[in-house]
N, C-alpha and C. Protein backbone atom coordinates (compact mmCIF):
# COMPACT_ATOMS: atom_id res chain seq x y z
N MET A 1 0.84 -1.17 0.00
CA MET A 1 0.00 0.00 0.00
C MET A 1 0.90 1.24 0.00
N ILE A 2 0.68 2.11 -0.94
CA ILE A 2 1.40 3.38 -1.01
C ILE A 2 0.54 4.44 -0.33
N ARG A 3 1.14 5.14 0.62
CA ARG A 3 0.42 6.17 1.36
C ARG A 3 1.13 7.51 1.18
N ILE A 4 0.39 8.50 0.69
CA ILE A 4 0.90 9.85 0.47
C ILE A 4 0.06 10.82 1.29
N GLU A 5 0.72 11.64 2.07
CA GLU A 5 0.03 12.67 2.87
C GLU A 5 0.10 14.01 2.13
N ASN A 6 -1.01 14.72 2.08
CA ASN A 6 -1.01 16.08 1.55
C ASN A 6 -1.91 16.97 2.40
N HIS A 7 -2.11 18.21 1.97
CA HIS A 7 -2.87 19.16 2.79
C HIS A 7 -4.36 18.79 2.90
N LEU A 8 -4.86 17.94 2.03
CA LEU A 8 -6.27 17.53 2.08
C LEU A 8 -6.49 16.27 2.90
N GLY A 9 -5.42 15.54 3.18
CA GLY A 9 -5.52 14.28 3.92
C GLY A 9 -4.52 13.28 3.39
N SER A 10 -4.88 12.01 3.49
CA SER A 10 -3.96 10.97 3.02
C SER A 10 -4.57 10.22 1.84
N ILE A 11 -3.69 9.78 0.96
CA ILE A 11 -4.07 9.00 -0.21
C ILE A 11 -3.44 7.63 -0.06
N GLU A 12 -4.25 6.58 -0.21
CA GLU A 12 -3.74 5.21 -0.16
C GLU A 12 -4.09 4.51 -1.46
N ILE A 13 -3.07 3.99 -2.13
CA ILE A 13 -3.27 3.27 -3.38
C ILE A 13 -2.63 1.89 -3.22
N SER A 14 -3.37 0.86 -3.58
CA SER A 14 -2.89 -0.51 -3.37
C SER A 14 -1.81 -0.89 -4.38
N GLN A 15 -0.97 -1.83 -3.99
CA GLN A 15 0.07 -2.35 -4.86
C GLN A 15 -0.55 -3.05 -6.08
N GLU A 16 -1.71 -3.67 -5.89
CA GLU A 16 -2.38 -4.37 -6.99
C GLU A 16 -2.78 -3.41 -8.09
N TYR A 17 -3.25 -2.21 -7.71
CA TYR A 17 -3.62 -1.21 -8.70
C TYR A 17 -2.39 -0.78 -9.50
N PHE A 18 -1.29 -0.48 -8.80
CA PHE A 18 -0.06 -0.09 -9.49
C PHE A 18 0.44 -1.22 -10.40
N ALA A 19 0.36 -2.45 -9.92
CA ALA A 19 0.83 -3.58 -10.71
C ALA A 19 0.03 -3.70 -12.00
N TYR A 20 -1.28 -3.56 -11.92
CA TYR A 20 -2.13 -3.65 -13.10
C TYR A 20 -1.84 -2.49 -14.05
N LEU A 21 -1.77 -1.30 -13.53
CA LEU A 21 -1.53 -0.10 -14.33
C LEU A 21 -0.18 -0.15 -15.03
N ILE A 22 0.86 -0.43 -14.27
CA ILE A 22 2.22 -0.46 -14.81
C ILE A 22 2.42 -1.68 -15.71
N GLY A 23 1.88 -2.81 -15.31
CA GLY A 23 2.01 -4.02 -16.12
C GLY A 23 1.43 -3.85 -17.51
N ASN A 24 0.27 -3.20 -17.61
CA ASN A 24 -0.33 -2.94 -18.92
C ASN A 24 0.52 -1.97 -19.74
N ALA A 25 1.06 -0.94 -19.10
CA ALA A 25 1.89 0.04 -19.80
C ALA A 25 3.16 -0.62 -20.34
N VAL A 26 3.81 -1.43 -19.52
CA VAL A 26 5.07 -2.07 -19.93
C VAL A 26 4.82 -3.10 -21.04
N SER A 27 3.80 -3.92 -20.89
CA SER A 27 3.56 -4.97 -21.88
C SER A 27 3.15 -4.41 -23.24
N SER A 28 2.68 -3.16 -23.29
CA SER A 28 2.31 -2.57 -24.57
C SER A 28 3.51 -1.95 -25.29
N CYS A 29 4.67 -1.89 -24.64
CA CYS A 29 5.87 -1.33 -25.26
C CYS A 29 6.49 -2.36 -26.21
N TYR A 30 6.91 -1.89 -27.37
CA TYR A 30 7.51 -2.76 -28.38
C TYR A 30 8.85 -3.31 -27.89
N GLY A 31 9.06 -4.60 -28.05
CA GLY A 31 10.32 -5.23 -27.70
C GLY A 31 10.30 -5.93 -26.36
N VAL A 32 9.24 -5.76 -25.57
CA VAL A 32 9.15 -6.40 -24.26
C VAL A 32 8.55 -7.79 -24.44
N ALA A 33 9.31 -8.81 -24.02
CA ALA A 33 8.83 -10.19 -24.13
C ALA A 33 7.99 -10.58 -22.92
N GLY A 34 8.21 -9.94 -21.78
CA GLY A 34 7.44 -10.25 -20.58
C GLY A 34 8.11 -9.70 -19.34
N MET A 35 7.48 -9.96 -18.23
CA MET A 35 7.99 -9.53 -16.94
C MET A 35 8.69 -10.72 -16.28
N VAL A 36 9.66 -10.42 -15.41
CA VAL A 36 10.45 -11.45 -14.74
C VAL A 36 10.22 -11.32 -13.24
N LYS A 37 10.06 -12.45 -12.57
CA LYS A 37 9.86 -12.43 -11.12
C LYS A 37 11.08 -11.79 -10.45
N SER A 38 10.82 -10.97 -9.44
CA SER A 38 11.92 -10.32 -8.72
C SER A 38 11.68 -10.43 -7.22
N GLY A 39 12.73 -10.58 -6.49
CA GLY A 39 12.62 -10.62 -5.04
C GLY A 39 12.26 -12.00 -4.53
N THR A 40 12.50 -12.19 -3.23
CA THR A 40 12.24 -13.49 -2.62
C THR A 40 10.75 -13.78 -2.50
N ARG A 41 9.94 -12.76 -2.24
CA ARG A 41 8.50 -12.98 -2.09
C ARG A 41 7.89 -13.50 -3.38
N GLN A 42 8.23 -12.89 -4.51
CA GLN A 42 7.69 -13.34 -5.79
C GLN A 42 8.26 -14.70 -6.17
N GLY A 43 9.53 -14.94 -5.83
CA GLY A 43 10.13 -16.23 -6.13
C GLY A 43 9.49 -17.35 -5.36
N LEU A 44 9.26 -17.15 -4.06
CA LEU A 44 8.61 -18.17 -3.24
C LEU A 44 7.17 -18.41 -3.66
N ARG A 45 6.50 -17.32 -4.01
CA ARG A 45 5.11 -17.45 -4.45
C ARG A 45 5.02 -18.28 -5.72
N SER A 46 6.00 -18.13 -6.63
CA SER A 46 5.97 -18.89 -7.88
C SER A 46 6.27 -20.37 -7.66
N VAL A 47 7.01 -20.70 -6.58
CA VAL A 47 7.29 -22.10 -6.26
C VAL A 47 6.02 -22.82 -5.84
N PHE A 48 5.18 -22.15 -5.06
CA PHE A 48 3.97 -22.77 -4.52
C PHE A 48 2.77 -22.66 -5.43
N SER A 49 2.80 -21.73 -6.38
CA SER A 49 1.67 -21.55 -7.29
C SER A 49 2.19 -21.44 -8.71
N LYS A 50 1.58 -22.14 -9.63
CA LYS A 50 2.04 -22.14 -11.02
C LYS A 50 1.41 -21.02 -11.85
N ARG A 51 0.42 -20.32 -11.32
CA ARG A 51 -0.21 -19.26 -12.11
C ARG A 51 0.63 -17.99 -12.06
N SER A 52 0.43 -17.11 -13.02
CA SER A 52 1.18 -15.85 -13.04
C SER A 52 0.38 -14.77 -12.29
N PHE A 53 1.10 -13.82 -11.74
CA PHE A 53 0.48 -12.76 -10.95
C PHE A 53 0.69 -11.43 -11.65
N ALA A 54 -0.21 -10.47 -11.39
CA ALA A 54 -0.15 -9.17 -12.04
C ALA A 54 1.08 -8.37 -11.63
N ASP A 55 1.55 -8.55 -10.41
CA ASP A 55 2.66 -7.73 -9.92
C ASP A 55 4.03 -8.35 -10.19
N GLU A 56 4.08 -9.33 -11.07
CA GLU A 56 5.34 -10.00 -11.38
C GLU A 56 6.36 -9.00 -11.93
N GLY A 57 7.48 -8.86 -11.26
CA GLY A 57 8.54 -8.00 -11.73
C GLY A 57 8.34 -6.52 -11.49
N ILE A 58 7.34 -6.15 -10.70
CA ILE A 58 7.03 -4.74 -10.46
C ILE A 58 7.11 -4.44 -8.98
N ARG A 59 7.83 -3.39 -8.63
CA ARG A 59 7.90 -2.92 -7.24
C ARG A 59 7.74 -1.41 -7.24
N VAL A 60 6.80 -0.91 -6.46
CA VAL A 60 6.55 0.53 -6.35
C VAL A 60 6.71 0.92 -4.90
N ARG A 61 7.48 1.98 -4.67
CA ARG A 61 7.63 2.49 -3.31
C ARG A 61 7.57 4.00 -3.33
N SER A 62 7.28 4.58 -2.18
CA SER A 62 7.14 6.02 -2.05
C SER A 62 8.30 6.58 -1.26
N GLU A 63 8.84 7.69 -1.74
CA GLU A 63 9.94 8.36 -1.06
C GLU A 63 9.76 9.86 -1.21
N ASN A 64 9.56 10.56 -0.11
CA ASN A 64 9.34 12.01 -0.11
C ASN A 64 8.19 12.41 -1.03
N ASP A 65 7.08 11.74 -0.93
CA ASP A 65 5.86 12.00 -1.71
C ASP A 65 6.04 11.83 -3.21
N LYS A 66 7.05 11.11 -3.62
CA LYS A 66 7.25 10.77 -5.03
C LYS A 66 7.45 9.27 -5.13
N LEU A 67 7.09 8.71 -6.27
CA LEU A 67 7.15 7.27 -6.46
C LEU A 67 8.44 6.84 -7.14
N ILE A 68 8.91 5.68 -6.75
CA ILE A 68 10.04 5.02 -7.40
C ILE A 68 9.54 3.66 -7.87
N VAL A 69 9.70 3.38 -9.16
CA VAL A 69 9.20 2.16 -9.76
C VAL A 69 10.39 1.31 -10.22
N ASP A 70 10.43 0.05 -9.79
CA ASP A 70 11.44 -0.90 -10.24
C ASP A 70 10.75 -1.94 -11.11
N LEU A 71 11.30 -2.17 -12.31
CA LEU A 71 10.73 -3.12 -13.25
C LEU A 71 11.78 -4.14 -13.66
N HIS A 72 11.41 -5.40 -13.65
CA HIS A 72 12.28 -6.47 -14.11
C HIS A 72 11.62 -7.07 -15.34
N ILE A 73 12.31 -6.94 -16.50
CA ILE A 73 11.70 -7.35 -17.76
C ILE A 73 12.58 -8.33 -18.52
N CYS A 74 11.98 -8.95 -19.51
CA CYS A 74 12.66 -9.81 -20.47
C CYS A 74 12.39 -9.19 -21.83
N VAL A 75 13.44 -9.02 -22.66
CA VAL A 75 13.28 -8.38 -23.96
C VAL A 75 13.43 -9.40 -25.08
N ILE A 76 13.01 -9.00 -26.27
CA ILE A 76 13.15 -9.84 -27.46
C ILE A 76 14.58 -9.71 -27.97
N TYR A 77 15.20 -10.84 -28.27
CA TYR A 77 16.58 -10.88 -28.73
C TYR A 77 16.74 -10.05 -30.01
N GLY A 78 17.81 -9.26 -30.05
CA GLY A 78 18.13 -8.47 -31.23
C GLY A 78 17.57 -7.07 -31.22
N MET A 79 16.80 -6.72 -30.22
CA MET A 79 16.21 -5.39 -30.12
C MET A 79 17.19 -4.45 -29.41
N ASN A 80 17.04 -3.16 -29.66
CA ASN A 80 17.86 -2.14 -29.02
C ASN A 80 17.37 -1.96 -27.59
N ILE A 81 18.15 -2.44 -26.64
CA ILE A 81 17.73 -2.43 -25.23
C ILE A 81 17.59 -1.00 -24.70
N SER A 82 18.49 -0.12 -25.11
CA SER A 82 18.42 1.27 -24.67
C SER A 82 17.12 1.94 -25.12
N ALA A 83 16.72 1.70 -26.35
CA ALA A 83 15.47 2.29 -26.87
C ALA A 83 14.26 1.71 -26.15
N ILE A 84 14.29 0.41 -25.87
CA ILE A 84 13.19 -0.22 -25.15
C ILE A 84 13.07 0.37 -23.75
N ALA A 85 14.20 0.52 -23.05
CA ALA A 85 14.18 1.06 -21.68
C ALA A 85 13.67 2.50 -21.66
N LYS A 86 14.11 3.32 -22.61
CA LYS A 86 13.64 4.72 -22.68
C LYS A 86 12.14 4.77 -22.93
N SER A 87 11.67 3.91 -23.81
CA SER A 87 10.24 3.85 -24.11
C SER A 87 9.43 3.45 -22.88
N ILE A 88 9.93 2.47 -22.14
CA ILE A 88 9.25 2.01 -20.93
C ILE A 88 9.22 3.12 -19.88
N VAL A 89 10.35 3.78 -19.66
CA VAL A 89 10.42 4.85 -18.66
C VAL A 89 9.40 5.94 -18.98
N ASN A 90 9.37 6.39 -20.23
CA ASN A 90 8.43 7.45 -20.62
C ASN A 90 6.98 7.02 -20.48
N LYS A 91 6.68 5.79 -20.93
CA LYS A 91 5.30 5.31 -20.89
C LYS A 91 4.81 5.11 -19.45
N VAL A 92 5.65 4.51 -18.60
CA VAL A 92 5.26 4.28 -17.21
C VAL A 92 5.09 5.60 -16.47
N ARG A 93 6.03 6.52 -16.65
CA ARG A 93 5.93 7.82 -15.98
C ARG A 93 4.64 8.53 -16.38
N TYR A 94 4.35 8.59 -17.67
CA TYR A 94 3.15 9.27 -18.16
C TYR A 94 1.89 8.58 -17.64
N THR A 95 1.84 7.25 -17.74
CA THR A 95 0.65 6.51 -17.34
C THR A 95 0.35 6.68 -15.85
N VAL A 96 1.35 6.55 -15.01
CA VAL A 96 1.14 6.65 -13.56
C VAL A 96 0.76 8.08 -13.17
N GLU A 97 1.45 9.07 -13.71
CA GLU A 97 1.15 10.46 -13.35
C GLU A 97 -0.24 10.87 -13.83
N GLU A 98 -0.66 10.42 -15.01
CA GLU A 98 -1.99 10.75 -15.50
C GLU A 98 -3.09 10.05 -14.70
N ALA A 99 -2.88 8.79 -14.34
CA ALA A 99 -3.91 8.01 -13.65
C ALA A 99 -4.04 8.38 -12.18
N THR A 100 -2.93 8.71 -11.53
CA THR A 100 -2.97 8.93 -10.08
C THR A 100 -2.74 10.37 -9.65
N GLY A 101 -2.09 11.17 -10.49
CA GLY A 101 -1.74 12.53 -10.10
C GLY A 101 -0.52 12.59 -9.21
N LEU A 102 0.13 11.46 -8.97
CA LEU A 102 1.33 11.41 -8.14
C LEU A 102 2.57 11.51 -9.02
N ALA A 103 3.58 12.23 -8.55
CA ALA A 103 4.81 12.39 -9.31
C ALA A 103 5.67 11.14 -9.23
N VAL A 104 6.26 10.78 -10.35
CA VAL A 104 7.18 9.64 -10.41
C VAL A 104 8.59 10.20 -10.42
N ARG A 105 9.36 9.89 -9.38
CA ARG A 105 10.73 10.40 -9.29
C ARG A 105 11.68 9.61 -10.18
N LYS A 106 11.50 8.29 -10.21
CA LYS A 106 12.44 7.45 -10.94
C LYS A 106 11.78 6.16 -11.38
N VAL A 107 12.13 5.71 -12.60
CA VAL A 107 11.71 4.40 -13.09
C VAL A 107 12.99 3.63 -13.40
N ASN A 108 13.24 2.56 -12.66
CA ASN A 108 14.41 1.72 -12.87
C ASN A 108 14.00 0.49 -13.68
N VAL A 109 14.66 0.28 -14.82
CA VAL A 109 14.35 -0.86 -15.68
C VAL A 109 15.54 -1.82 -15.63
N PHE A 110 15.28 -3.04 -15.17
CA PHE A 110 16.30 -4.09 -15.10
C PHE A 110 15.97 -5.14 -16.15
N VAL A 111 16.88 -5.34 -17.09
CA VAL A 111 16.69 -6.37 -18.11
C VAL A 111 17.31 -7.65 -17.58
N ASP A 112 16.45 -8.61 -17.24
CA ASP A 112 16.90 -9.84 -16.61
C ASP A 112 16.98 -11.02 -17.57
N GLY A 113 16.57 -10.82 -18.82
CA GLY A 113 16.66 -11.92 -19.77
C GLY A 113 16.28 -11.51 -21.17
N MET A 114 16.52 -12.44 -22.11
CA MET A 114 16.15 -12.24 -23.51
C MET A 114 15.47 -13.48 -24.01
N LYS A 115 14.53 -13.29 -24.93
CA LYS A 115 13.83 -14.41 -25.57
C LYS A 115 13.89 -14.21 -27.07
N SER A 116 13.93 -15.31 -27.78
CA SER A 116 13.88 -15.21 -29.24
C SER A 116 12.40 -15.13 -29.64
N GLU A 117 12.16 -14.55 -30.78
CA GLU A 117 10.76 -14.38 -31.23
C GLU A 117 10.17 -15.69 -31.46
């Protein structure tokens, strides 16, 4: 749960909402083959359950009323990784700021693998 305090009160947005919002934005970017599980919690969850989860490879945290987004992705082999990462950063920043009104301080894109088409 992300909690932001402002002069009107507090805003709470669930991790599931961010995962759905960011997951859709990332998967629509050209060259992205999929999301990669990150962290021990997602790794353990995948051991016990074979289904995929919406928050796979996505971590959102709040720092000084701004959001930091960590993404773990798999790209298509032969694609320009720098161009893919720039596209993802711009799309995620725009999507989150438009949908929530919260500022995104940083989007970190970690390329954890490649897949052939």
